[in-house]
PDB file of all heavy atoms in Angstrom:
ATOM      1  N   LEU A   1      12.772  16.528   6.665  1.00  0.00           N
ATOM      2  CA  LEU A   1      11.759  17.036   5.747  1.00  0.00           C
ATOM      3  C   LEU A   1      12.383  17.369   4.348  1.00  0.00           C
ATOM      4  O   LEU A   1      11.712  17.992   3.530  1.00  0.00           O
ATOM      5  CB  LEU A   1      11.089  18.285   6.334  1.00  0.00           C
ATOM      6  CG  LEU A   1      10.166  17.985   7.541  1.00  0.00           C
ATOM      7  CD1 LEU A   1       9.608  19.265   8.147  1.00  0.00           C
ATOM      8  CD2 LEU A   1       9.035  17.065   7.140  1.00  0.00           C
ATOM      9  N   SER A   2      13.575  17.032   4.131  1.00  0.00           N
ATOM     10  CA  SER A   2      14.209  17.116   2.835  1.00  0.00           C
ATOM     11  C   SER A   2      13.778  15.970   1.957  1.00  0.00           C
ATOM     12  O   SER A   2      13.605  14.852   2.411  1.00  0.00           O
ATOM     13  CB  SER A   2      15.758  17.119   2.962  1.00  0.00           C
ATOM     14  OG  SER A   2      16.355  16.883   1.701  1.00  0.00           O
ATOM     15  N   ASP A   3      13.619  16.256   0.663  1.00  0.00           N
ATOM     16  CA  ASP A   3      13.155  15.204  -0.256  1.00  0.00           C
ATOM     17  C   ASP A   3      14.300  14.513  -0.963  1.00  0.00           C
ATOM     18  O   ASP A   3      14.069  13.747  -1.934  1.00  0.00           O
ATOM     19  CB  ASP A   3      12.155  15.759  -1.270  1.00  0.00           C
ATOM     20  CG  ASP A   3      12.820  16.715  -2.256  1.00  0.00           C
ATOM     21  OD1 ASP A   3      13.839  17.344  -1.883  1.00  0.00           O
ATOM     22  OD2 ASP A   3      12.299  16.877  -3.373  1.00  0.00           O
ATOM     23  N   ALA A   4      15.542  14.718  -0.529  1.00  0.00           N
ATOM     24  CA  ALA A   4      16.693  14.075  -1.198  1.00  0.00           C
ATOM     25  C   ALA A   4      16.556  12.577  -1.271  1.00  0.00           C
ATOM     26  O   ALA A   4      16.741  11.975  -2.344  1.00  0.00           O
ATOM     27  CB  ALA A   4      17.975  14.472  -0.521  1.00  0.00           C
ATOM     28  N   PRO A   5      16.180  11.884  -0.153  1.00  0.00           N
ATOM     29  CA  PRO A   5      15.972  10.425  -0.268  1.00  0.00           C
ATOM     30  C   PRO A   5      14.852  10.028  -1.228  1.00  0.00           C
ATOM     31  O   PRO A   5      14.973   8.987  -1.876  1.00  0.00           O
ATOM     32  CB  PRO A   5      15.666  10.016   1.187  1.00  0.00           C
ATOM     33  CG  PRO A   5      16.250  11.117   2.035  1.00  0.00           C
ATOM     34  CD  PRO A   5      16.038  12.323   1.256  1.00  0.00           C
ATOM     35  N   LEU A   6      13.832  10.839  -1.300  1.00  0.00           N
ATOM     36  CA  LEU A   6      12.709  10.551  -2.250  1.00  0.00           C
ATOM     37  C   LEU A   6      13.205  10.685  -3.669  1.00  0.00           C
ATOM     38  O   LEU A   6      12.863   9.825  -4.519  1.00  0.00           O
ATOM     39  CB  LEU A   6      11.534  11.475  -1.956  1.00  0.00           C
ATOM     40  CG  LEU A   6      10.354  11.365  -2.906  1.00  0.00           C
ATOM     41  CD1 LEU A   6       9.800   9.936  -2.935  1.00  0.00           C
ATOM     42  CD2 LEU A   6       9.266  12.350  -2.525  1.00  0.00           C
ATOM     43  N   ALA A   7      13.928  11.748  -3.972  1.00  0.00           N
ATOM     44  CA  ALA A   7      14.461  11.931  -5.330  1.00  0.00           C
ATOM     45  C   ALA A   7      15.316  10.757  -5.753  1.00  0.00           C
ATOM     46  O   ALA A   7      15.212  10.263  -6.892  1.00  0.00           O
ATOM     47  CB  ALA A   7      15.224  13.228  -5.442  1.00  0.00           C
ATOM     48  N   THR A   8      16.150  10.256  -4.848  1.00  0.00           N
ATOM     49  CA  THR A   8      16.992   9.074  -5.172  1.00  0.00           C
ATOM     50  C   THR A   8      16.132   7.843  -5.358  1.00  0.00           C
ATOM     51  O   THR A   8      16.395   7.061  -6.287  1.00  0.00           O
ATOM     52  CB  THR A   8      18.002   8.862  -4.026  1.00  0.00           C
ATOM     53  OG1 THR A   8      18.798  10.044  -3.901  1.00  0.00           O
ATOM     54  CG2 THR A   8      18.910   7.666  -4.344  1.00  0.00           C
ATOM     55  N   PHE A   9      15.153   7.636  -4.478  1.00  0.00           N
ATOM     56  CA  PHE A   9      14.298   6.488  -4.591  1.00  0.00           C
ATOM     57  C   PHE A   9      13.594   6.430  -5.925  1.00  0.00           C
ATOM     58  O   PHE A   9      13.495   5.392  -6.597  1.00  0.00           O
ATOM     59  CB  PHE A   9      13.292   6.434  -3.462  1.00  0.00           C
ATOM     60  CG  PHE A   9      12.490   5.150  -3.342  1.00  0.00           C
ATOM     61  CD1 PHE A   9      12.957   4.120  -2.579  1.00  0.00           C
ATOM     62  CD2 PHE A   9      11.303   5.021  -4.021  1.00  0.00           C
ATOM     63  CE1 PHE A   9      12.232   2.912  -2.482  1.00  0.00           C
ATOM     64  CE2 PHE A   9      10.524   3.843  -3.929  1.00  0.00           C
ATOM     65  CZ  PHE A   9      11.032   2.796  -3.179  1.00  0.00           C
ATOM     66  N   LEU A  10      13.073   7.585  -6.360  1.00  0.00           N
ATOM     67  CA  LEU A  10      12.329   7.634  -7.627  1.00  0.00           C
ATOM     68  C   LEU A  10      13.275   7.420  -8.806  1.00  0.00           C
ATOM     69  O   LEU A  10      12.879   6.820  -9.830  1.00  0.00           O
ATOM     70  CB  LEU A  10      11.643   8.997  -7.758  1.00  0.00           C
ATOM     71  CG  LEU A  10      10.526   9.272  -6.728  1.00  0.00           C
ATOM     72  CD1 LEU A  10      10.041  10.712  -6.854  1.00  0.00           C
ATOM     73  CD2 LEU A  10       9.388   8.289  -6.899  1.00  0.00           C
ATOM     74  N   GLU A  11      14.493   7.891  -8.691  1.00  0.00           N
ATOM     75  CA  GLU A  11      15.473   7.693  -9.729  1.00  0.00           C
ATOM     76  C   GLU A  11      15.812   6.211  -9.888  1.00  0.00           C
ATOM     77  O   GLU A  11      15.977   5.687 -10.972  1.00  0.00           O
ATOM     78  CB  GLU A  11      16.759   8.497  -9.436  1.00  0.00           C
ATOM     79  CG  GLU A  11      17.848   8.363 -10.444  1.00  0.00           C
ATOM     80  CD  GLU A  11      17.576   9.119 -11.754  1.00  0.00           C
ATOM     81  OE1 GLU A  11      16.637   9.933 -11.772  1.00  0.00           O
ATOM     82  OE2 GLU A  11      18.308   8.879 -12.720  1.00  0.00           O
ATOM     83  N   GLU A  12      15.933   5.520  -8.729  1.00  0.00           N
ATOM     84  CA  GLU A  12      16.303   4.113  -8.781  1.00  0.00           C
ATOM     85  C   GLU A  12      15.112   3.199  -9.073  1.00  0.00           C
ATOM     86  O   GLU A  12      15.297   2.054  -9.451  1.00  0.00           O
ATOM     87  CB  GLU A  12      16.889   3.706  -7.426  1.00  0.00           C
ATOM     88  CG  GLU A  12      18.255   4.311  -7.147  1.00  0.00           C
ATOM     89  CD  GLU A  12      18.905   3.734  -5.911  1.00  0.00           C
ATOM     90  OE1 GLU A  12      18.206   3.143  -5.049  1.00  0.00           O
ATOM     91  OE2 GLU A  12      20.133   3.847  -5.782  1.00  0.00           O
ATOM     92  N   HIS A  13      13.886   3.713  -8.897  1.00  0.00           N
ATOM     93  CA  HIS A  13      12.678   2.900  -9.121  1.00  0.00           C
ATOM     94  C   HIS A  13      11.730   3.640 -10.063  1.00  0.00           C
ATOM     95  O   HIS A  13      10.697   4.183  -9.633  1.00  0.00           O
ATOM     96  CB  HIS A  13      11.957   2.588  -7.791  1.00  0.00           C
ATOM     97  CG  HIS A  13      12.852   1.930  -6.806  1.00  0.00           C
ATOM     98  ND1 HIS A  13      13.581   2.623  -5.859  1.00  0.00           N
ATOM     99  CD2 HIS A  13      13.165   0.610  -6.607  1.00  0.00           C
ATOM    100  CE1 HIS A  13      14.271   1.787  -5.111  1.00  0.00           C
ATOM    101  NE2 HIS A  13      14.062   0.559  -5.562  1.00  0.00           N
ATOM    102  N   PRO A  14      12.080   3.731 -11.333  1.00  0.00           N
ATOM    103  CA  PRO A  14      11.278   4.535 -12.287  1.00  0.00           C
ATOM    104  C   PRO A  14       9.865   4.036 -12.503  1.00  0.00           C
ATOM    105  O   PRO A  14       9.032   4.786 -13.044  1.00  0.00           O
ATOM    106  CB  PRO A  14      12.106   4.408 -13.583  1.00  0.00           C
ATOM    107  CG  PRO A  14      12.930   3.189 -13.443  1.00  0.00           C
ATOM    108  CD  PRO A  14      13.239   3.085 -11.973  1.00  0.00           C
ATOM    109  N   LYS A  15       9.548   2.822 -12.064  1.00  0.00           N
ATOM    110  CA  LYS A  15       8.201   2.315 -12.185  1.00  0.00           C
ATOM    111  C   LYS A  15       7.250   3.087 -11.283  1.00  0.00           C
ATOM    112  O   LYS A  15       6.023   3.137 -11.554  1.00  0.00           O
ATOM    113  CB  LYS A  15       8.180   0.821 -11.817  1.00  0.00           C
ATOM    114  CG  LYS A  15       6.812   0.192 -11.968  1.00  0.00           C
ATOM    115  CD  LYS A  15       6.878  -1.312 -11.628  1.00  0.00           C
ATOM    116  CE  LYS A  15       5.505  -1.956 -11.742  1.00  0.00           C
ATOM    117  NZ  LYS A  15       5.533  -3.415 -11.443  1.00  0.00           N
ATOM    118  N   VAL A  16       7.723   3.686 -10.181  1.00  0.00           N
ATOM    119  CA  VAL A  16       6.881   4.393  -9.237  1.00  0.00           C
ATOM    120  C   VAL A  16       6.300   5.649  -9.891  1.00  0.00           C
ATOM    121  O   VAL A  16       7.046   6.483 -10.393  1.00  0.00           O
ATOM    122  CB  VAL A  16       7.665   4.756  -7.974  1.00  0.00           C
ATOM    123  CG1 VAL A  16       6.785   5.640  -7.051  1.00  0.00           C
ATOM    124  CG2 VAL A  16       8.062   3.474  -7.223  1.00  0.00           C
ATOM    125  N   ARG A  17       4.979   5.783  -9.889  1.00  0.00           N
ATOM    126  CA  ARG A  17       4.329   6.965 -10.477  1.00  0.00           C
ATOM    127  C   ARG A  17       3.395   7.652  -9.483  1.00  0.00           C
ATOM    128  O   ARG A  17       2.847   8.709  -9.802  1.00  0.00           O
ATOM    129  CB  ARG A  17       3.492   6.554 -11.718  1.00  0.00           C
ATOM    130  CG  ARG A  17       4.317   5.971 -12.862  1.00  0.00           C
ATOM    131  CD  ARG A  17       5.553   6.774 -13.201  1.00  0.00           C
ATOM    132  NE  ARG A  17       5.314   8.172 -13.453  1.00  0.00           N
ATOM    133  CZ  ARG A  17       6.210   9.101 -13.493  1.00  0.00           C
ATOM    134  NH1 ARG A  17       7.465   8.801 -13.243  1.00  0.00           N
ATOM    135  NH2 ARG A  17       5.890  10.379 -13.713  1.00  0.00           N
ATOM    136  N   LYS A  18       3.158   7.042  -8.324  1.00  0.00           N
ATOM    137  CA  LYS A  18       2.297   7.675  -7.328  1.00  0.00           C
ATOM    138  C   LYS A  18       3.053   7.796  -6.016  1.00  0.00           C
ATOM    139  O   LYS A  18       3.749   6.918  -5.586  1.00  0.00           O
ATOM    140  CB  LYS A  18       1.022   6.824  -7.078  1.00  0.00           C
ATOM    141  CG  LYS A  18       0.080   7.452  -6.057  1.00  0.00           C
ATOM    142  CD  LYS A  18      -1.173   6.666  -5.831  1.00  0.00           C
ATOM    143  CE  LYS A  18      -2.041   7.332  -4.765  1.00  0.00           C
ATOM    144  NZ  LYS A  18      -3.293   6.569  -4.525  1.00  0.00           N
ATOM    145  N   ILE A  19       2.915   8.992  -5.387  1.00  0.00           N
ATOM    146  CA  ILE A  19       3.574   9.274  -4.100  1.00  0.00           C
ATOM    147  C   ILE A  19       2.492   9.690  -3.096  1.00  0.00           C
ATOM    148  O   ILE A  19       1.751  10.628  -3.316  1.00  0.00           O
ATOM    149  CB  ILE A  19       4.608  10.417  -4.254  1.00  0.00           C
ATOM    150  CG1 ILE A  19       5.540  10.124  -5.415  1.00  0.00           C
ATOM    151  CG2 ILE A  19       5.344  10.597  -2.943  1.00  0.00           C
ATOM    152  CD1 ILE A  19       6.431  11.324  -5.742  1.00  0.00           C
ATOM    153  N   SER A  20       2.428   8.957  -2.006  1.00  0.00           N
ATOM    154  CA  SER A  20       1.518   9.305  -0.913  1.00  0.00           C
ATOM    155  C   SER A  20       2.348   9.844   0.254  1.00  0.00           C
ATOM    156  O   SER A  20       3.197   9.129   0.806  1.00  0.00           O
ATOM    157  CB  SER A  20       0.706   8.055  -0.490  1.00  0.00           C
ATOM    158  OG  SER A  20      -0.116   7.608  -1.540  1.00  0.00           O
ATOM    159  N   PHE A  21       2.107  11.078   0.581  1.00  0.00           N
ATOM    160  CA  PHE A  21       2.886  11.712   1.659  1.00  0.00           C
ATOM    161  C   PHE A  21       2.197  11.534   3.008  1.00  0.00           C
ATOM    162  O   PHE A  21       1.077  12.040   3.191  1.00  0.00           O
ATOM    163  CB  PHE A  21       3.041  13.202   1.317  1.00  0.00           C
ATOM    164  CG  PHE A  21       3.987  13.474   0.160  1.00  0.00           C
ATOM    165  CD1 PHE A  21       3.442  13.695  -1.092  1.00  0.00           C
ATOM    166  CD2 PHE A  21       5.361  13.440   0.321  1.00  0.00           C
ATOM    167  CE1 PHE A  21       4.281  13.937  -2.196  1.00  0.00           C
ATOM    168  CE2 PHE A  21       6.172  13.657  -0.765  1.00  0.00           C
ATOM    169  CZ  PHE A  21       5.645  13.901  -2.010  1.00  0.00           C
ATOM    170  N   CYS A  22       2.827  10.795   3.881  1.00  0.00           N
ATOM    171  CA  CYS A  22       2.258  10.476   5.216  1.00  0.00           C
ATOM    172  C   CYS A  22       3.028  11.232   6.283  1.00  0.00           C
ATOM    173  O   CYS A  22       3.429  10.663   7.327  1.00  0.00           O
ATOM    174  CB  CYS A  22       2.373   8.976   5.478  1.00  0.00           C
ATOM    175  SG  CYS A  22       1.663   7.975   4.157  1.00  0.00           S
ATOM    176  N   LEU A  23       3.257  12.502   6.039  1.00  0.00           N
ATOM    177  CA  LEU A  23       4.038  13.338   6.973  1.00  0.00           C
ATOM    178  C   LEU A  23       3.209  13.742   8.180  1.00  0.00           C
ATOM    179  O   LEU A  23       1.992  13.577   8.213  1.00  0.00           O
ATOM    180  CB  LEU A  23       4.565  14.574   6.245  1.00  0.00           C
ATOM    181  CG  LEU A  23       5.353  14.282   4.953  1.00  0.00           C
ATOM    182  CD1 LEU A  23       5.931  15.560   4.371  1.00  0.00           C
ATOM    183  CD2 LEU A  23       6.445  13.270   5.164  1.00  0.00           C
ATOM    184  N   ASP A  24       3.887  14.272   9.178  1.00  0.00           N
ATOM    185  CA  ASP A  24       3.233  14.571  10.470  1.00  0.00           C
ATOM    186  C   ASP A  24       2.145  15.601  10.363  1.00  0.00           C
ATOM    187  O   ASP A  24       2.096  16.404   9.389  1.00  0.00           O
ATOM    188  CB  ASP A  24       4.297  15.040  11.491  1.00  0.00           C
ATOM    189  CG  ASP A  24       5.251  13.933  11.902  1.00  0.00           C
ATOM    190  OD1 ASP A  24       5.062  12.781  11.429  1.00  0.00           O
ATOM    191  OD2 ASP A  24       6.160  14.220  12.703  1.00  0.00           O
ATOM    192  N   ASN A  25       1.313  15.629  11.373  1.00  0.00           N
ATOM    193  CA  ASN A  25       0.199  16.555  11.461  1.00  0.00           C
ATOM    194  C   ASN A  25       0.550  17.891  12.072  1.00  0.00           C
ATOM    195  O   ASN A  25      -0.301  18.716  12.290  1.00  0.00           O
ATOM    196  CB  ASN A  25      -0.997  15.960  12.200  1.00  0.00           C
ATOM    197  CG  ASN A  25      -2.092  15.475  11.277  1.00  0.00           C
ATOM    198  OD1 ASN A  25      -2.237  16.003  10.187  1.00  0.00           O
ATOM    199  ND2 ASN A  25      -2.828  14.467  11.723  1.00  0.00           N
ATOM    200  N   ASP A  26       1.862  18.111  12.395  1.00  0.00           N
ATOM    201  CA  ASP A  26       2.235  19.398  12.971  1.00  0.00           C
ATOM    202  C   ASP A  26       2.492  20.395  11.851  1.00  0.00           C
ATOM    203  O   ASP A  26       2.431  20.041  10.682  1.00  0.00           O
ATOM    204  CB  ASP A  26       3.464  19.235  13.876  1.00  0.00           C
ATOM    205  CG  ASP A  26       4.665  18.606  13.138  1.00  0.00           C
ATOM    206  OD1 ASP A  26       4.598  18.468  11.883  1.00  0.00           O
ATOM    207  OD2 ASP A  26       5.662  18.283  13.788  1.00  0.00           O
ATOM    208  N   GLU A  27       2.787  21.642  12.241  1.00  0.00           N
ATOM    209  CA  GLU A  27       2.910  22.684  11.239  1.00  0.00           C
ATOM    210  C   GLU A  27       4.016  22.433  10.220  1.00  0.00           C
ATOM    211  O   GLU A  27       3.846  22.546   9.016  1.00  0.00           O
ATOM    212  CB  GLU A  27       3.128  24.041  11.921  1.00  0.00           C
ATOM    213  CG  GLU A  27       3.221  25.222  10.921  1.00  0.00           C
ATOM    214  CD  GLU A  27       3.340  26.546  11.642  1.00  0.00           C
ATOM    215  OE1 GLU A  27       3.329  26.604  12.859  1.00  0.00           O
ATOM    216  OE2 GLU A  27       3.515  27.556  10.926  1.00  0.00           O
ATOM    217  N   PRO A  28       5.280  22.030  10.682  1.00  0.00           N
ATOM    218  CA  PRO A  28       6.328  21.727   9.688  1.00  0.00           C
ATOM    219  C   PRO A  28       5.935  20.608   8.756  1.00  0.00           C
ATOM    220  O   PRO A  28       6.217  20.678   7.529  1.00  0.00           O
ATOM    221  CB  PRO A  28       7.535  21.381  10.552  1.00  0.00           C
ATOM    222  CG  PRO A  28       7.280  21.993  11.870  1.00  0.00           C
ATOM    223  CD  PRO A  28       5.791  21.939  12.059  1.00  0.00           C
ATOM    224  N   GLY A  29       5.290  19.550   9.291  1.00  0.00           N
ATOM    225  CA  GLY A  29       4.901  18.447   8.427  1.00  0.00           C
ATOM    226  C   GLY A  29       3.888  18.830   7.415  1.00  0.00           C
ATOM    227  O   GLY A  29       3.917  18.405   6.238  1.00  0.00           O
TER     228      GLY A  29
END
């Protein structure tokens, strides 16, 4: 549930401007 991979992905792909979060339906998600 850390966003470190997301931060890296956005840094490497600056064209991306929309993020859709498809995380789990449990409480942590």
